[in-house]
Amino acid sequence: MESHEIDILIGTQMIAKGLDFPKLTLVGLVLADVGFNLPDFRATERSFQLLTQVSGRAGRHVMDGGRVVIQTYNPDYPSINYSKNIQYKEFAEFELRERKELNYPPFGRLASMRITAKTPRLGIETAERLADRAEHLKSLNPAYSKIQILGPTEAALAKLRGKYRYHLLLKTITPNVLSAFCRQLLNDNSWISAGTKVQVDIDPLNLL
């Protein structure tokens, strides 16, 4: 790049992660919408990070700066609007308001219950059985009344390493009961079919 042996550089989002290309003055981001539509409450935040990072690759070593072109079907999406003007504070305030309204972290706590199975039938049967057990446990103890049970549903990465994946999401604004609920829910695992696994992730970093 420095010797100008390359005129066009094509890569995945890894190209935005801290690399320095002295002669790079134009950056194009194709189909930015992919990151917006992931079923994860952090999708907007991650999209904003990527947009600002990739924008920072262009024109770092030239007086006139660089140019960034974003291809999207949602030009009014918050990540794009705030990243266009590099509004970090404004984006953070917007995102915190959204999360507070929906009781997502840091205002609430989450537990992701991931089900992996050898076949789709085993996976969905186990996921539905888990959801029924969670609803029943919640009905037995008033301390669990504020726990929301979301799902089950197929995971965004529906199949990984030959295993079919489903998940159930627990959400609450009373964090002290979440771990106890999960422990009690999975205390007896005799109902889990052979070839099927259930894993719990408290405050997961991603929901994919």
C-alpha atoms as a PDB file:
ATOM      1  CA  MET A   1       0.000   0.000   0.000  1.00  0.00           C
ATOM      2  CA  GLU A   2       2.778   2.452   0.937  1.00  0.00           C
ATOM      3  CA  SER A   3       4.636   1.847  -2.327  1.00  0.00           C
ATOM      4  CA  HIS A   4       1.335   2.129  -4.234  1.00  0.00           C
ATOM      5  CA  GLU A   5       1.583  -1.362  -5.710  1.00  0.00           C
ATOM      6  CA  ILE A   6      -2.133  -1.806  -4.916  1.00  0.00           C
ATOM      7  CA  ASP A   7      -4.895   0.560  -6.055  1.00  0.00           C
ATOM      8  CA  ILE A   8      -7.949  -1.239  -4.649  1.00  0.00           C
ATOM      9  CA  LEU A   9      -8.106  -3.136  -1.372  1.00  0.00           C
ATOM     10  CA  ILE A  10     -11.065  -5.444  -0.638  1.00  0.00           C
ATOM     11  CA  GLY A  11     -11.673  -7.091   2.702  1.00  0.00           C
ATOM     12  CA  THR A  12     -14.076  -7.982   5.487  1.00  0.00           C
ATOM     13  CA  GLN A  13     -14.703  -5.789   8.516  1.00  0.00           C
ATOM     14  CA  MET A  14     -11.313  -6.924   9.858  1.00  0.00           C
ATOM     15  CA  ILE A  15      -9.811  -4.303   7.557  1.00  0.00           C
ATOM     16  CA  ALA A  16     -11.243  -1.624   9.866  1.00  0.00           C
ATOM     17  CA  LYS A  17      -9.547  -2.928  13.009  1.00  0.00           C
ATOM     18  CA  GLY A  18      -6.642  -0.599  13.680  1.00  0.00           C
ATOM     19  CA  LEU A  19      -4.764  -0.980  10.388  1.00  0.00           C
ATOM     20  CA  ASP A  20      -3.090   2.078   8.865  1.00  0.00           C
ATOM     21  CA  PHE A  21      -2.990   2.552   5.084  1.00  0.00           C
ATOM     22  CA  PRO A  22      -1.073   5.793   4.366  1.00  0.00           C
ATOM     23  CA  LYS A  23      -2.388   6.358   0.823  1.00  0.00           C
ATOM     24  CA  LEU A  24      -5.965   5.319   1.428  1.00  0.00           C
ATOM     25  CA  THR A  25      -8.325   8.250   0.747  1.00  0.00           C
ATOM     26  CA  LEU A  26     -11.611   6.569  -0.226  1.00  0.00           C
ATOM     27  CA  VAL A  27     -13.440   3.874   1.746  1.00  0.00           C
ATOM     28  CA  GLY A  28     -16.629   2.141   0.624  1.00  0.00           C
ATOM     29  CA  LEU A  29     -18.780   0.051   2.967  1.00  0.00           C
ATOM     30  CA  VAL A  30     -21.074  -2.339   1.068  1.00  0.00           C
ATOM     31  CA  LEU A  31     -24.444  -3.437   2.476  1.00  0.00           C
ATOM     32  CA  ALA A  32     -24.030  -1.891   5.905  1.00  0.00           C
ATOM     33  CA  ASP A  33     -27.540  -3.154   6.753  1.00  0.00           C
ATOM     34  CA  VAL A  34     -26.245  -6.656   7.511  1.00  0.00           C
ATOM     35  CA  GLY A  35     -24.985  -5.485  10.894  1.00  0.00           C
ATOM     36  CA  PHE A  36     -28.176  -3.564  11.705  1.00  0.00           C
ATOM     37  CA  ASN A  37     -30.507  -6.533  11.375  1.00  0.00           C
ATOM     38  CA  LEU A  38     -28.788  -9.032  13.633  1.00  0.00           C
ATOM     39  CA  PRO A  39     -31.066 -10.261  16.455  1.00  0.00           C
ATOM     40  CA  ASP A  40     -28.892  -8.810  19.203  1.00  0.00           C
ATOM     41  CA  PHE A  41     -29.595  -5.720  21.308  1.00  0.00           C
ATOM     42  CA  ARG A  42     -25.971  -4.644  20.784  1.00  0.00           C
ATOM     43  CA  ALA A  43     -26.309  -4.647  16.968  1.00  0.00           C
ATOM     44  CA  THR A  44     -26.763  -0.860  16.750  1.00  0.00           C
ATOM     45  CA  GLU A  45     -23.739  -0.255  18.982  1.00  0.00           C
ATOM     46  CA  ARG A  46     -21.545  -2.642  17.013  1.00  0.00           C
ATOM     47  CA  SER A  47     -22.643  -1.079  13.727  1.00  0.00           C
ATOM     48  CA  PHE A  48     -21.734   2.376  15.028  1.00  0.00           C
ATOM     49  CA  GLN A  49     -18.310   1.106  16.099  1.00  0.00           C
ATOM     50  CA  LEU A  50     -17.661  -0.455  12.692  1.00  0.00           C
ATOM     51  CA  LEU A  51     -18.794   2.631  10.775  1.00  0.00           C
ATOM     52  CA  THR A  52     -16.594   4.981  12.800  1.00  0.00           C
ATOM     53  CA  GLN A  53     -13.630   2.593  12.663  1.00  0.00           C
ATOM     54  CA  VAL A  54     -13.802   2.084   8.915  1.00  0.00           C
ATOM     55  CA  SER A  55     -14.270   5.824   8.404  1.00  0.00           C
ATOM     56  CA  GLY A  56     -11.072   6.399  10.338  1.00  0.00           C
ATOM     57  CA  ARG A  57      -9.062   4.442   7.749  1.00  0.00           C
ATOM     58  CA  ALA A  58      -9.610   7.098   5.029  1.00  0.00           C
ATOM     59  CA  GLY A  59      -7.424  10.152   4.565  1.00  0.00           C
ATOM     60  CA  ARG A  60      -5.396   9.865   7.747  1.00  0.00           C
ATOM     61  CA  HIS A  61      -2.196  11.096   6.068  1.00  0.00           C
ATOM     62  CA  VAL A  62      -3.503  13.720   3.659  1.00  0.00           C
ATOM     63  CA  MET A  63      -4.325  17.371   4.306  1.00  0.00           C
ATOM     64  CA  ASP A  64      -7.735  17.279   2.627  1.00  0.00           C
ATOM     65  CA  GLY A  65      -8.901  14.221   4.551  1.00  0.00           C
ATOM     66  CA  GLY A  66     -10.678  11.272   2.993  1.00  0.00           C
ATOM     67  CA  ARG A  67     -14.083  10.246   1.788  1.00  0.00           C
ATOM     68  CA  VAL A  68     -16.365   7.456   3.033  1.00  0.00           C
ATOM     69  CA  VAL A  69     -19.253   6.003   1.014  1.00  0.00           C
ATOM     70  CA  ILE A  70     -21.800   3.816   2.811  1.00  0.00           C
ATOM     71  CA  GLN A  71     -24.214   1.674   0.808  1.00  0.00           C
ATOM     72  CA  THR A  72     -27.411   1.045   2.772  1.00  0.00           C
ATOM     73  CA  TYR A  73     -31.157   0.573   2.407  1.00  0.00           C
ATOM     74  CA  ASN A  74     -31.688   2.388   5.737  1.00  0.00           C
ATOM     75  CA  PRO A  75     -29.980   5.796   5.448  1.00  0.00           C
ATOM     76  CA  ASP A  76     -31.840   7.099   8.530  1.00  0.00           C
ATOM     77  CA  TYR A  77     -30.657   4.286  10.787  1.00  0.00           C
ATOM     78  CA  PRO A  78     -29.225   5.705  14.062  1.00  0.00           C
ATOM     79  CA  SER A  79     -25.779   4.135  13.592  1.00  0.00           C
ATOM     80  CA  ILE A  80     -25.393   5.910  10.248  1.00  0.00           C
ATOM     81  CA  ASN A  81     -26.761   9.277  11.331  1.00  0.00           C
ATOM     82  CA  TYR A  82     -24.558   9.522  14.412  1.00  0.00           C
ATOM     83  CA  SER A  83     -21.435   8.115  12.749  1.00  0.00           C
ATOM     84  CA  LYS A  84     -21.711  10.572   9.828  1.00  0.00           C
ATOM     85  CA  ASN A  85     -20.909  13.430  12.198  1.00  0.00           C
ATOM     86  CA  ILE A  86     -18.830  11.340  14.626  1.00  0.00           C
ATOM     87  CA  GLN A  87     -21.291  12.032  17.468  1.00  0.00           C
ATOM     88  CA  TYR A  88     -20.087   9.615  20.139  1.00  0.00           C
ATOM     89  CA  LYS A  89     -21.821  11.290  23.080  1.00  0.00           C
ATOM     90  CA  GLU A  90     -25.124  11.723  21.256  1.00  0.00           C
ATOM     91  CA  PHE A  91     -25.099   8.108  20.106  1.00  0.00           C
ATOM     92  CA  ALA A  92     -24.382   6.842  23.631  1.00  0.00           C
ATOM     93  CA  GLU A  93     -27.273   8.905  25.032  1.00  0.00           C
ATOM     94  CA  PHE A  94     -29.637   7.590  22.346  1.00  0.00           C
ATOM     95  CA  GLU A  95     -28.595   3.980  22.875  1.00  0.00           C
ATOM     96  CA  LEU A  96     -28.935   4.212  26.664  1.00  0.00           C
ATOM     97  CA  ARG A  97     -32.462   5.623  26.328  1.00  0.00           C
ATOM     98  CA  GLU A  98     -33.420   2.711  24.060  1.00  0.00           C
ATOM     99  CA  ARG A  99     -31.987   0.112  26.413  1.00  0.00           C
ATOM    100  CA  LYS A 100     -33.589   1.653  29.494  1.00  0.00           C
ATOM    101  CA  GLU A 101     -37.002   1.556  27.860  1.00  0.00           C
ATOM    102  CA  LEU A 102     -36.603  -2.160  27.052  1.00  0.00           C
ATOM    103  CA  ASN A 103     -34.786  -3.120  30.296  1.00  0.00           C
ATOM    104  CA  TYR A 104     -31.649  -4.242  28.484  1.00  0.00           C
ATOM    105  CA  PRO A 105     -28.194  -3.917  30.106  1.00  0.00           C
ATOM    106  CA  PRO A 106     -26.986  -1.883  31.885  1.00  0.00           C
ATOM    107  CA  PHE A 107     -30.529  -1.321  33.259  1.00  0.00           C
ATOM    108  CA  GLY A 108     -31.541  -4.975  33.308  1.00  0.00           C
ATOM    109  CA  ARG A 109     -29.816  -8.338  33.265  1.00  0.00           C
ATOM    110  CA  LEU A 110     -29.969 -11.169  30.755  1.00  0.00           C
ATOM    111  CA  ALA A 111     -29.426 -14.885  30.745  1.00  0.00           C
ATOM    112  CA  SER A 112     -29.086 -16.664  27.418  1.00  0.00           C
ATOM    113  CA  MET A 113     -29.982 -20.361  27.493  1.00  0.00           C
ATOM    114  CA  ARG A 114     -28.461 -22.038  24.442  1.00  0.00           C
ATOM    115  CA  ILE A 115     -29.663 -25.399  23.231  1.00  0.00           C
ATOM    116  CA  THR A 116     -27.554 -27.453  20.805  1.00  0.00           C
ATOM    117  CA  ALA A 117     -28.741 -30.749  19.372  1.00  0.00           C
ATOM    118  CA  LYS A 118     -27.909 -33.378  16.768  1.00  0.00           C
ATOM    119  CA  THR A 119     -31.201 -32.846  14.921  1.00  0.00           C
ATOM    120  CA  PRO A 120     -33.654 -29.932  14.549  1.00  0.00           C
ATOM    121  CA  ARG A 121     -36.432 -32.026  16.137  1.00  0.00           C
ATOM    122  CA  LEU A 122     -34.390 -32.714  19.268  1.00  0.00           C
ATOM    123  CA  GLY A 123     -33.377 -29.064  19.442  1.00  0.00           C
ATOM    124  CA  ILE A 124     -36.835 -27.524  19.236  1.00  0.00           C
ATOM    125  CA  GLU A 125     -38.375 -30.155  21.529  1.00  0.00           C
ATOM    126  CA  THR A 126     -35.753 -29.455  24.191  1.00  0.00           C
ATOM    127  CA  ALA A 127     -36.114 -25.684  23.765  1.00  0.00           C
ATOM    128  CA  GLU A 128     -39.909 -25.849  24.135  1.00  0.00           C
ATOM    129  CA  ARG A 129     -39.613 -28.145  27.166  1.00  0.00           C
ATOM    130  CA  LEU A 130     -37.160 -25.697  28.714  1.00  0.00           C
ATOM    131  CA  ALA A 131     -39.533 -22.773  28.104  1.00  0.00           C
ATOM    132  CA  ASP A 132     -42.431 -24.694  29.708  1.00  0.00           C
ATOM    133  CA  ARG A 133     -40.285 -25.522  32.742  1.00  0.00           C
ATOM    134  CA  ALA A 134     -39.252 -21.859  33.030  1.00  0.00           C
ATOM    135  CA  GLU A 135     -42.880 -20.657  32.918  1.00  0.00           C
ATOM    136  CA  HIS A 136     -43.870 -23.241  35.513  1.00  0.00           C
ATOM    137  CA  LEU A 137     -40.995 -22.310  37.843  1.00  0.00           C
ATOM    138  CA  LYS A 138     -41.852 -18.633  37.491  1.00  0.00           C
ATOM    139  CA  SER A 139     -45.481 -19.316  38.468  1.00  0.00           C
ATOM    140  CA  LEU A 140     -44.395 -21.135  41.645  1.00  0.00           C
ATOM    141  CA  ASN A 141     -42.282 -18.360  43.164  1.00  0.00           C
ATOM    142  CA  PRO A 142     -43.386 -14.699  43.470  1.00  0.00           C
ATOM    143  CA  ALA A 143     -39.699 -13.688  43.589  1.00  0.00           C
ATOM    144  CA  TYR A 144     -39.462 -14.694  39.924  1.00  0.00           C
ATOM    145  CA  SER A 145     -42.501 -12.688  38.786  1.00  0.00           C
ATOM    146  CA  LYS A 146     -40.452  -9.980  37.061  1.00  0.00           C
ATOM    147  CA  ILE A 147     -38.425 -12.374  34.937  1.00  0.00           C
ATOM    148  CA  GLN A 148     -39.385 -12.171  31.259  1.00  0.00           C
ATOM    149  CA  ILE A 149     -39.111 -15.379  29.250  1.00  0.00           C
ATOM    150  CA  LEU A 150     -38.460 -14.684  25.566  1.00  0.00           C
ATOM    151  CA  GLY A 151     -38.562 -17.519  23.072  1.00  0.00           C
ATOM    152  CA  PRO A 152     -37.605 -20.197  22.406  1.00  0.00           C
ATOM    153  CA  THR A 153     -36.454 -19.481  18.883  1.00  0.00           C
ATOM    154  CA  GLU A 154     -33.889 -20.667  16.391  1.00  0.00           C
ATOM    155  CA  ALA A 155     -30.509 -19.027  16.906  1.00  0.00           C
ATOM    156  CA  ALA A 156     -29.260 -16.552  14.304  1.00  0.00           C
ATOM    157  CA  LEU A 157     -26.460 -19.031  13.568  1.00  0.00           C
ATOM    158  CA  ALA A 158     -28.909 -21.897  13.237  1.00  0.00           C
ATOM    159  CA  LYS A 159     -26.272 -24.561  12.637  1.00  0.00           C
ATOM    160  CA  LEU A 160     -22.675 -24.552  13.836  1.00  0.00           C
ATOM    161  CA  ARG A 161     -20.136 -27.375  13.710  1.00  0.00           C
ATOM    162  CA  GLY A 162     -22.828 -29.851  12.725  1.00  0.00           C
ATOM    163  CA  LYS A 163     -25.133 -28.950  15.642  1.00  0.00           C
ATOM    164  CA  TYR A 164     -28.547 -27.284  15.437  1.00  0.00           C
ATOM    165  CA  ARG A 165     -28.934 -24.293  17.740  1.00  0.00           C
ATOM    166  CA  TYR A 166     -31.886 -22.709  19.583  1.00  0.00           C
ATOM    167  CA  HIS A 167     -32.058 -20.280  22.448  1.00  0.00           C
ATOM    168  CA  LEU A 168     -34.247 -18.939  25.218  1.00  0.00           C
ATOM    169  CA  LEU A 169     -33.663 -15.480  26.681  1.00  0.00           C
ATOM    170  CA  LEU A 170     -34.403 -14.481  30.270  1.00  0.00           C
ATOM    171  CA  LYS A 171     -34.604 -10.795  31.108  1.00  0.00           C
ATOM    172  CA  THR A 172     -35.150  -9.074  34.454  1.00  0.00           C
ATOM    173  CA  ILE A 173     -34.664  -5.816  36.354  1.00  0.00           C
ATOM    174  CA  THR A 174     -34.127  -7.760  39.609  1.00  0.00           C
ATOM    175  CA  PRO A 175     -30.610  -9.126  39.039  1.00  0.00           C
ATOM    176  CA  ASN A 176     -30.260 -10.958  42.340  1.00  0.00           C
ATOM    177  CA  VAL A 177     -32.860 -13.589  41.344  1.00  0.00           C
ATOM    178  CA  LEU A 178     -31.586 -14.415  37.855  1.00  0.00           C
ATOM    179  CA  SER A 179     -28.745 -16.757  38.821  1.00  0.00           C
ATOM    180  CA  ALA A 180     -30.949 -18.531  41.359  1.00  0.00           C
ATOM    181  CA  PHE A 181     -33.662 -19.004  38.740  1.00  0.00           C
ATOM    182  CA  CYS A 182     -31.192 -20.501  36.254  1.00  0.00           C
ATOM    183  CA  ARG A 183     -29.684 -22.837  38.852  1.00  0.00           C
ATOM    184  CA  GLN A 184     -33.105 -24.070  39.934  1.00  0.00           C
ATOM    185  CA  LEU A 185     -34.273 -24.448  36.347  1.00  0.00           C
ATOM    186  CA  LEU A 186     -31.339 -26.690  35.417  1.00  0.00           C
ATOM    187  CA  ASN A 187     -30.834 -28.401  38.757  1.00  0.00           C
ATOM    188  CA  ASP A 188     -32.387 -31.580  37.367  1.00  0.00           C
ATOM    189  CA  ASN A 189     -31.200 -32.333  33.830  1.00  0.00           C
ATOM    190  CA  SER A 190     -32.843 -35.749  33.477  1.00  0.00           C
ATOM    191  CA  TRP A 191     -35.344 -34.268  30.998  1.00  0.00           C
ATOM    192  CA  ILE A 192     -32.577 -33.286  28.534  1.00  0.00           C
ATOM    193  CA  SER A 193     -32.397 -35.810  25.676  1.00  0.00           C
ATOM    194  CA  ALA A 194     -29.185 -37.604  24.754  1.00  0.00           C
ATOM    195  CA  GLY A 195     -27.257 -35.710  22.088  1.00  0.00           C
ATOM    196  CA  THR A 196     -28.626 -32.408  23.362  1.00  0.00           C
ATOM    197  CA  LYS A 197     -26.900 -29.795  25.512  1.00  0.00           C
ATOM    198  CA  VAL A 198     -28.236 -26.752  27.400  1.00  0.00           C
ATOM    199  CA  GLN A 199     -25.786 -23.991  28.375  1.00  0.00           C
ATOM    200  CA  VAL A 200     -26.412 -20.799  30.328  1.00  0.00           C
ATOM    201  CA  ASP A 201     -24.607 -17.511  29.727  1.00  0.00           C
ATOM    202  CA  ILE A 202     -25.343 -14.753  32.251  1.00  0.00           C
ATOM    203  CA  ASP A 203     -25.027 -11.251  30.721  1.00  0.00           C
ATOM    204  CA  PRO A 204     -23.925 -12.631  27.325  1.00  0.00           C
ATOM    205  CA  LEU A 205     -21.697 -10.492  25.122  1.00  0.00           C
ATOM    206  CA  ASN A 206     -23.615 -11.599  22.026  1.00  0.00           C
ATOM    207  CA  LEU A 207     -26.871 -13.395  21.331  1.00  0.00           C
ATOM    208  CA  LEU A 208     -25.948 -15.091  18.070  1.00  0.00           C
END
